[in-house]
Amino acid sequence: MTKGAKKVLIVEDDEALINLYEKKFSNNGFEVIKAEDGAKGYEYAKTKNPDIILLDIMLPVMNGFEVLKKLKKENLIENTPVVILSNYGETQNVTEGLVSGAVEYLIKVEHTPEEVLEIVKDALNEKESLVGKAFKESA
């Protein structure tokens, strides 16, 4: 792995999907940390210092919202953008994800791995979402 590579933590219980994203990110110079459930994702977010977290919502042990809220409450991801990647696109879920601290909320079927990679790169550069920026500008 290249020195100084950005670390992406992928918290996803779909093995095929996590392997697809692992390959896409590692081929683009990222160091990939994988967690198959929310509890592992929470633990790795605390201990492995990822630069960004790609977080599913429907996870075994602890769901993505619980992971996100717990990390936020403990100020463990203050400088770590979290991108939610979920099959659940209901307004309530999107709102909860963004209010809980995610910088982006992506619906899996609407984005190719290439698009997710670009969004992750943008999030690493921006550190906050367009929604977050809009809230700050309107305040």
N, C-alpha and C. Protein backbone atom coordinates (compact mmCIF):
# COMPACT_ATOMS: atom_id res chain seq x y z
N MET A 1 0.86 -1.19 0.00
CA MET A 1 0.00 0.00 0.00
C MET A 1 0.89 1.24 0.00
N THR A 2 0.51 2.22 -0.78
CA THR A 2 1.32 3.43 -0.88
C THR A 2 1.34 4.18 0.44
N LYS A 3 2.50 4.74 0.74
CA LYS A 3 2.67 5.48 1.99
C LYS A 3 1.75 6.70 1.98
N GLY A 4 1.09 6.91 3.10
CA GLY A 4 0.19 8.05 3.18
C GLY A 4 -1.15 7.84 2.50
N ALA A 5 -1.45 6.59 2.15
CA ALA A 5 -2.74 6.30 1.50
C ALA A 5 -3.87 6.64 2.45
N LYS A 6 -4.95 7.16 1.91
CA LYS A 6 -6.13 7.45 2.71
C LYS A 6 -6.78 6.12 3.10
N LYS A 7 -7.27 6.06 4.34
CA LYS A 7 -7.92 4.85 4.84
C LYS A 7 -9.43 5.01 4.76
N VAL A 8 -10.08 4.08 4.09
CA VAL A 8 -11.53 4.07 4.03
C VAL A 8 -12.03 2.86 4.83
N LEU A 9 -12.93 3.11 5.76
CA LEU A 9 -13.58 2.04 6.52
C LEU A 9 -14.91 1.77 5.84
N ILE A 10 -15.09 0.53 5.36
CA ILE A 10 -16.33 0.14 4.70
C ILE A 10 -17.09 -0.77 5.66
N VAL A 11 -18.25 -0.29 6.12
CA VAL A 11 -19.08 -1.06 7.05
C VAL A 11 -20.29 -1.54 6.24
N GLU A 12 -20.25 -2.81 5.87
CA GLU A 12 -21.24 -3.38 4.94
C GLU A 12 -21.33 -4.88 5.21
N ASP A 13 -22.56 -5.42 5.28
CA ASP A 13 -22.72 -6.84 5.55
C ASP A 13 -22.90 -7.69 4.29
N ASP A 14 -23.02 -7.08 3.13
CA ASP A 14 -23.13 -7.81 1.88
C ASP A 14 -21.72 -8.11 1.38
N GLU A 15 -21.32 -9.37 1.48
CA GLU A 15 -19.93 -9.76 1.17
C GLU A 15 -19.53 -9.42 -0.26
N ALA A 16 -20.42 -9.66 -1.23
CA ALA A 16 -20.10 -9.35 -2.62
C ALA A 16 -19.87 -7.85 -2.80
N LEU A 17 -20.73 -7.06 -2.17
CA LEU A 17 -20.62 -5.60 -2.29
C LEU A 17 -19.36 -5.08 -1.61
N ILE A 18 -19.07 -5.59 -0.42
CA ILE A 18 -17.88 -5.11 0.30
C ILE A 18 -16.62 -5.47 -0.49
N ASN A 19 -16.61 -6.64 -1.13
CA ASN A 19 -15.45 -7.04 -1.94
C ASN A 19 -15.32 -6.17 -3.19
N LEU A 20 -16.45 -5.82 -3.79
CA LEU A 20 -16.46 -4.95 -4.96
C LEU A 20 -15.89 -3.58 -4.60
N TYR A 21 -16.35 -3.01 -3.49
CA TYR A 21 -15.85 -1.70 -3.07
C TYR A 21 -14.39 -1.78 -2.62
N GLU A 22 -14.02 -2.88 -1.96
CA GLU A 22 -12.63 -3.03 -1.55
C GLU A 22 -11.71 -2.98 -2.76
N LYS A 23 -12.08 -3.70 -3.80
CA LYS A 23 -11.26 -3.73 -5.02
C LYS A 23 -11.20 -2.34 -5.66
N LYS A 24 -12.36 -1.67 -5.78
CA LYS A 24 -12.43 -0.35 -6.40
C LYS A 24 -11.55 0.65 -5.65
N PHE A 25 -11.65 0.67 -4.32
CA PHE A 25 -10.89 1.63 -3.53
C PHE A 25 -9.41 1.29 -3.49
N SER A 26 -9.07 0.01 -3.31
CA SER A 26 -7.64 -0.34 -3.24
C SER A 26 -6.96 -0.11 -4.58
N ASN A 27 -7.68 -0.33 -5.68
CA ASN A 27 -7.11 -0.06 -7.02
C ASN A 27 -6.90 1.43 -7.24
N ASN A 28 -7.52 2.27 -6.41
CA ASN A 28 -7.39 3.72 -6.54
C ASN A 28 -6.56 4.32 -5.39
N GLY A 29 -5.72 3.49 -4.79
CA GLY A 29 -4.75 3.99 -3.83
C GLY A 29 -5.22 4.11 -2.39
N PHE A 30 -6.39 3.58 -2.08
CA PHE A 30 -6.89 3.64 -0.71
C PHE A 30 -6.46 2.41 0.07
N GLU A 31 -6.27 2.57 1.36
CA GLU A 31 -6.13 1.44 2.26
C GLU A 31 -7.54 1.13 2.74
N VAL A 32 -7.98 -0.12 2.61
CA VAL A 32 -9.36 -0.49 2.92
C VAL A 32 -9.43 -1.29 4.23
N ILE A 33 -10.32 -0.85 5.10
CA ILE A 33 -10.63 -1.57 6.33
C ILE A 33 -12.07 -2.03 6.19
N LYS A 34 -12.32 -3.32 6.41
CA LYS A 34 -13.67 -3.85 6.24
C LYS A 34 -14.27 -4.27 7.58
N ALA A 35 -15.55 -3.97 7.73
CA ALA A 35 -16.31 -4.43 8.91
C ALA A 35 -17.64 -4.96 8.41
N GLU A 36 -18.01 -6.15 8.86
CA GLU A 36 -19.23 -6.81 8.38
C GLU A 36 -20.45 -6.54 9.25
N ASP A 37 -20.26 -5.86 10.37
CA ASP A 37 -21.42 -5.53 11.21
C ASP A 37 -21.17 -4.19 11.89
N GLY A 38 -22.23 -3.64 12.47
CA GLY A 38 -22.14 -2.32 13.07
C GLY A 38 -21.19 -2.24 14.25
N ALA A 39 -21.16 -3.27 15.08
CA ALA A 39 -20.28 -3.25 16.26
C ALA A 39 -18.81 -3.21 15.84
N LYS A 40 -18.45 -4.01 14.83
CA LYS A 40 -17.07 -3.99 14.32
C LYS A 40 -16.78 -2.63 13.67
N GLY A 41 -17.75 -2.11 12.93
CA GLY A 41 -17.58 -0.81 12.30
C GLY A 41 -17.32 0.27 13.33
N TYR A 42 -18.06 0.25 14.41
CA TYR A 42 -17.88 1.21 15.50
C TYR A 42 -16.48 1.07 16.09
N GLU A 43 -16.09 -0.18 16.39
CA GLU A 43 -14.79 -0.45 16.99
C GLU A 43 -13.65 0.01 16.07
N TYR A 44 -13.74 -0.32 14.78
CA TYR A 44 -12.69 0.05 13.82
C TYR A 44 -12.64 1.56 13.62
N ALA A 45 -13.79 2.22 13.68
CA ALA A 45 -13.81 3.68 13.55
C ALA A 45 -13.05 4.31 14.71
N LYS A 46 -13.15 3.69 15.90
CA LYS A 46 -12.45 4.19 17.08
C LYS A 46 -10.96 3.88 17.06
N THR A 47 -10.60 2.69 16.58
CA THR A 47 -9.22 2.21 16.76
C THR A 47 -8.32 2.31 15.54
N LYS A 48 -8.89 2.35 14.35
CA LYS A 48 -8.06 2.30 13.14
C LYS A 48 -7.91 3.65 12.43
N ASN A 49 -8.48 4.69 13.01
CA ASN A 49 -8.35 6.06 12.48
C ASN A 49 -8.58 6.18 10.97
N PRO A 50 -9.76 5.78 10.50
CA PRO A 50 -10.02 5.93 9.07
C PRO A 50 -10.13 7.40 8.69
N ASP A 51 -9.82 7.70 7.42
CA ASP A 51 -9.97 9.07 6.92
C ASP A 51 -11.41 9.34 6.51
N ILE A 52 -12.13 8.26 6.18
CA ILE A 52 -13.54 8.37 5.79
C ILE A 52 -14.22 7.04 6.08
N ILE A 53 -15.53 7.10 6.33
CA ILE A 53 -16.29 5.89 6.62
C ILE A 53 -17.43 5.78 5.62
N LEU A 54 -17.55 4.61 5.00
CA LEU A 54 -18.66 4.28 4.11
C LEU A 54 -19.54 3.34 4.92
N LEU A 55 -20.76 3.77 5.24
CA LEU A 55 -21.58 3.09 6.24
C LEU A 55 -22.94 2.67 5.69
N ASP A 56 -23.23 1.37 5.79
CA ASP A 56 -24.55 0.86 5.46
C ASP A 56 -25.46 1.11 6.66
N ILE A 57 -26.78 1.06 6.45
CA ILE A 57 -27.72 1.27 7.55
C ILE A 57 -28.18 -0.05 8.14
N MET A 58 -28.64 -0.96 7.30
CA MET A 58 -29.14 -2.25 7.80
C MET A 58 -27.96 -3.20 8.01
N LEU A 59 -27.54 -3.30 9.26
CA LEU A 59 -26.38 -4.11 9.62
C LEU A 59 -26.72 -5.01 10.79
N PRO A 60 -26.06 -6.17 10.87
CA PRO A 60 -26.24 -7.00 12.06
C PRO A 60 -25.59 -6.34 13.29
N VAL A 61 -26.01 -6.74 14.46
CA VAL A 61 -25.49 -6.33 15.77
C VAL A 61 -25.88 -4.89 16.13
N MET A 62 -25.49 -3.92 15.31
CA MET A 62 -25.80 -2.51 15.56
C MET A 62 -26.04 -1.85 14.20
N ASN A 63 -27.18 -1.16 14.03
CA ASN A 63 -27.44 -0.58 12.71
C ASN A 63 -26.58 0.67 12.48
N GLY A 64 -26.55 1.11 11.24
CA GLY A 64 -25.70 2.24 10.87
C GLY A 64 -26.04 3.53 11.60
N PHE A 65 -27.33 3.78 11.83
CA PHE A 65 -27.71 4.99 12.57
C PHE A 65 -27.15 4.95 13.99
N GLU A 66 -27.23 3.77 14.63
CA GLU A 66 -26.68 3.62 15.99
C GLU A 66 -25.17 3.86 15.99
N VAL A 67 -24.49 3.30 15.01
CA VAL A 67 -23.04 3.48 14.89
C VAL A 67 -22.71 4.97 14.76
N LEU A 68 -23.40 5.62 13.84
CA LEU A 68 -23.14 7.04 13.56
C LEU A 68 -23.41 7.90 14.80
N LYS A 69 -24.54 7.68 15.45
CA LYS A 69 -24.89 8.48 16.64
C LYS A 69 -23.91 8.27 17.78
N LYS A 70 -23.48 7.01 17.96
CA LYS A 70 -22.54 6.70 19.03
C LYS A 70 -21.18 7.36 18.76
N LEU A 71 -20.72 7.30 17.53
CA LEU A 71 -19.44 7.92 17.17
C LEU A 71 -19.51 9.44 17.32
N LYS A 72 -20.64 10.02 16.89
CA LYS A 72 -20.83 11.48 17.02
C LYS A 72 -20.88 11.90 18.48
N LYS A 73 -21.65 11.16 19.28
CA LYS A 73 -21.82 11.49 20.69
C LYS A 73 -20.47 11.50 21.42
N GLU A 74 -19.59 10.59 21.03
CA GLU A 74 -18.29 10.47 21.68
C GLU A 74 -17.22 11.33 20.99
N ASN A 75 -17.66 12.17 20.04
CA ASN A 75 -16.74 13.04 19.29
C ASN A 75 -15.59 12.28 18.65
N LEU A 76 -15.89 11.08 18.16
CA LEU A 76 -14.85 10.25 17.57
C LEU A 76 -14.70 10.47 16.07
N ILE A 77 -15.68 11.15 15.46
CA ILE A 77 -15.60 11.34 14.01
C ILE A 77 -15.74 12.81 13.64
N GLU A 78 -15.29 13.67 14.52
CA GLU A 78 -15.42 15.10 14.28
C GLU A 78 -14.78 15.51 12.95
N ASN A 79 -13.64 14.92 12.63
CA ASN A 79 -12.94 15.26 11.40
C ASN A 79 -12.95 14.12 10.38
N THR A 80 -13.85 13.17 10.58
CA THR A 80 -13.95 12.03 9.68
C THR A 80 -15.31 12.04 8.99
N PRO A 81 -15.33 12.32 7.68
CA PRO A 81 -16.62 12.30 6.99
C PRO A 81 -17.20 10.88 6.93
N VAL A 82 -18.51 10.81 7.05
CA VAL A 82 -19.23 9.54 6.96
C VAL A 82 -20.19 9.65 5.78
N VAL A 83 -20.07 8.69 4.86
CA VAL A 83 -20.97 8.61 3.71
C VAL A 83 -21.84 7.38 3.92
N ILE A 84 -23.14 7.59 4.01
CA ILE A 84 -24.07 6.47 4.15
C ILE A 84 -24.37 5.93 2.76
N LEU A 85 -24.29 4.60 2.65
CA LEU A 85 -24.59 3.91 1.40
C LEU A 85 -25.63 2.85 1.75
N SER A 86 -26.88 3.09 1.37
CA SER A 86 -27.98 2.25 1.83
C SER A 86 -28.96 1.94 0.72
N ASN A 87 -29.77 0.91 0.94
CA ASN A 87 -30.87 0.62 0.03
C ASN A 87 -32.12 1.40 0.43
N TYR A 88 -32.08 2.03 1.59
CA TYR A 88 -33.25 2.73 2.11
C TYR A 88 -33.18 4.20 1.78
N GLY A 89 -34.05 4.63 0.85
CA GLY A 89 -34.01 6.01 0.40
C GLY A 89 -35.17 6.86 0.87
N GLU A 90 -35.93 6.35 1.84
CA GLU A 90 -37.07 7.12 2.34
C GLU A 90 -36.56 8.43 2.95
N THR A 91 -37.33 9.49 2.77
CA THR A 91 -36.95 10.81 3.26
C THR A 91 -36.57 10.78 4.73
N GLN A 92 -37.34 10.04 5.52
CA GLN A 92 -37.07 9.95 6.96
C GLN A 92 -35.66 9.41 7.22
N ASN A 93 -35.26 8.36 6.48
CA ASN A 93 -33.93 7.77 6.66
C ASN A 93 -32.84 8.73 6.23
N VAL A 94 -33.04 9.38 5.08
CA VAL A 94 -32.05 10.32 4.57
C VAL A 94 -31.86 11.45 5.58
N THR A 95 -32.98 11.99 6.06
CA THR A 95 -32.93 13.08 7.04
C THR A 95 -32.22 12.64 8.31
N GLU A 96 -32.58 11.46 8.82
CA GLU A 96 -31.94 10.96 10.04
C GLU A 96 -30.44 10.80 9.84
N GLY A 97 -30.03 10.28 8.69
CA GLY A 97 -28.61 10.09 8.40
C GLY A 97 -27.85 11.41 8.37
N LEU A 98 -28.41 12.41 7.70
CA LEU A 98 -27.73 13.70 7.57
C LEU A 98 -27.73 14.46 8.90
N VAL A 99 -28.86 14.40 9.62
CA VAL A 99 -28.95 15.07 10.92
C VAL A 99 -28.00 14.40 11.92
N SER A 100 -27.81 13.09 11.78
CA SER A 100 -26.93 12.35 12.69
C SER A 100 -25.45 12.62 12.40
N GLY A 101 -25.17 13.24 11.26
CA GLY A 101 -23.78 13.61 11.01
C GLY A 101 -23.15 13.12 9.74
N ALA A 102 -23.89 12.35 8.93
CA ALA A 102 -23.31 11.91 7.65
C ALA A 102 -23.16 13.11 6.72
N VAL A 103 -22.12 13.09 5.88
CA VAL A 103 -21.93 14.18 4.93
C VAL A 103 -22.69 13.93 3.63
N GLU A 104 -22.97 12.66 3.35
CA GLU A 104 -23.74 12.29 2.16
C GLU A 104 -24.58 11.07 2.50
N TYR A 105 -25.71 10.92 1.76
CA TYR A 105 -26.56 9.75 1.92
C TYR A 105 -26.82 9.24 0.51
N LEU A 106 -26.24 8.10 0.17
CA LEU A 106 -26.36 7.56 -1.18
C LEU A 106 -27.22 6.30 -1.18
N ILE A 107 -28.04 6.18 -2.22
CA ILE A 107 -28.85 4.97 -2.41
C ILE A 107 -28.02 4.03 -3.30
N LYS A 108 -27.78 2.82 -2.81
CA LYS A 108 -26.87 1.88 -3.49
C LYS A 108 -27.19 1.71 -4.98
N VAL A 109 -28.45 1.47 -5.29
CA VAL A 109 -28.80 1.16 -6.68
C VAL A 109 -28.67 2.37 -7.62
N GLU A 110 -28.55 3.56 -7.04
CA GLU A 110 -28.48 4.77 -7.87
C GLU A 110 -27.04 5.19 -8.19
N HIS A 111 -26.05 4.48 -7.64
CA HIS A 111 -24.67 4.90 -7.82
C HIS A 111 -23.77 3.72 -8.16
N THR A 112 -22.95 3.88 -9.20
CA THR A 112 -21.97 2.85 -9.54
C THR A 112 -20.80 2.95 -8.56
N PRO A 113 -19.99 1.91 -8.45
CA PRO A 113 -18.80 2.01 -7.59
C PRO A 113 -17.90 3.19 -7.99
N GLU A 114 -17.83 3.50 -9.27
CA GLU A 114 -17.01 4.64 -9.73
C GLU A 114 -17.56 5.94 -9.16
N GLU A 115 -18.88 6.09 -9.18
CA GLU A 115 -19.51 7.30 -8.64
C GLU A 115 -19.29 7.39 -7.13
N VAL A 116 -19.41 6.26 -6.45
CA VAL A 116 -19.20 6.25 -5.00
C VAL A 116 -17.75 6.66 -4.70
N LEU A 117 -16.81 6.14 -5.47
CA LEU A 117 -15.40 6.52 -5.30
C LEU A 117 -15.21 8.03 -5.45
N GLU A 118 -15.82 8.61 -6.47
CA GLU A 118 -15.68 10.05 -6.70
C GLU A 118 -16.33 10.86 -5.57
N ILE A 119 -17.47 10.39 -5.08
CA ILE A 119 -18.15 11.08 -3.98
C ILE A 119 -17.30 11.01 -2.71
N VAL A 120 -16.66 9.86 -2.48
CA VAL A 120 -15.77 9.70 -1.33
C VAL A 120 -14.59 10.66 -1.45
N LYS A 121 -14.00 10.73 -2.64
CA LYS A 121 -12.88 11.66 -2.85
C LYS A 121 -13.32 13.10 -2.59
N ASP A 122 -14.50 13.47 -3.09
CA ASP A 122 -15.04 14.82 -2.85
C ASP A 122 -15.26 15.06 -1.37
N ALA A 123 -15.83 14.07 -0.68
CA ALA A 123 -16.10 14.21 0.75
C ALA A 123 -14.80 14.39 1.53
N LEU A 124 -13.75 13.70 1.12
CA LEU A 124 -12.45 13.86 1.78
C LEU A 124 -11.91 15.27 1.58
N ASN A 125 -12.18 15.84 0.42
CA ASN A 125 -11.72 17.20 0.14
C ASN A 125 -12.57 18.24 0.85
N GLU A 126 -13.86 17.99 0.91
CA GLU A 126 -14.80 18.98 1.45
C GLU A 126 -14.98 18.88 2.95
N LYS A 127 -14.97 17.65 3.49
CA LYS A 127 -15.21 17.36 4.90
C LYS A 127 -16.63 17.68 5.36
N GLU A 128 -17.47 18.20 4.49
CA GLU A 128 -18.87 18.41 4.86
C GLU A 128 -19.73 18.35 3.60
N SER A 129 -20.97 18.07 3.78
CA SER A 129 -21.87 17.91 2.65
C SER A 129 -22.38 19.24 2.15
N LEU A 130 -22.94 19.19 0.98
CA LEU A 130 -23.60 20.38 0.43
C LEU A 130 -24.75 20.78 1.35
N VAL A 131 -25.44 19.79 1.90
CA VAL A 131 -26.54 20.05 2.82
C VAL A 131 -26.01 20.76 4.06
N GLY A 132 -24.90 20.23 4.61
CA GLY A 132 -24.29 20.83 5.79
C GLY A 132 -23.87 22.27 5.53
N LYS A 133 -23.27 22.50 4.36
CA LYS A 133 -22.84 23.85 4.00
C LYS A 133 -24.06 24.78 3.88
N ALA A 134 -25.12 24.27 3.28
CA ALA A 134 -26.34 25.09 3.09
C ALA A 134 -26.92 25.49 4.45
N PHE A 135 -26.94 24.54 5.40
CA PHE A 135 -27.43 24.85 6.75
C PHE A 135 -26.59 25.96 7.38
N LYS A 136 -25.27 25.85 7.25
CA LYS A 136 -24.38 26.85 7.86
C LYS A 136 -24.56 28.22 7.21
N GLU A 137 -24.69 28.21 5.88
CA GLU A 137 -24.83 29.48 5.16
C GLU A 137 -26.15 30.17 5.47
N SER A 138 -27.20 29.39 5.74
CA SER A 138 -28.51 29.97 6.01
C SER A 138 -28.66 30.40 7.47
N ALA A 139 -27.77 29.93 8.32
CA ALA A 139 -27.85 30.25 9.76
C ALA A 139 -27.38 31.65 10.07
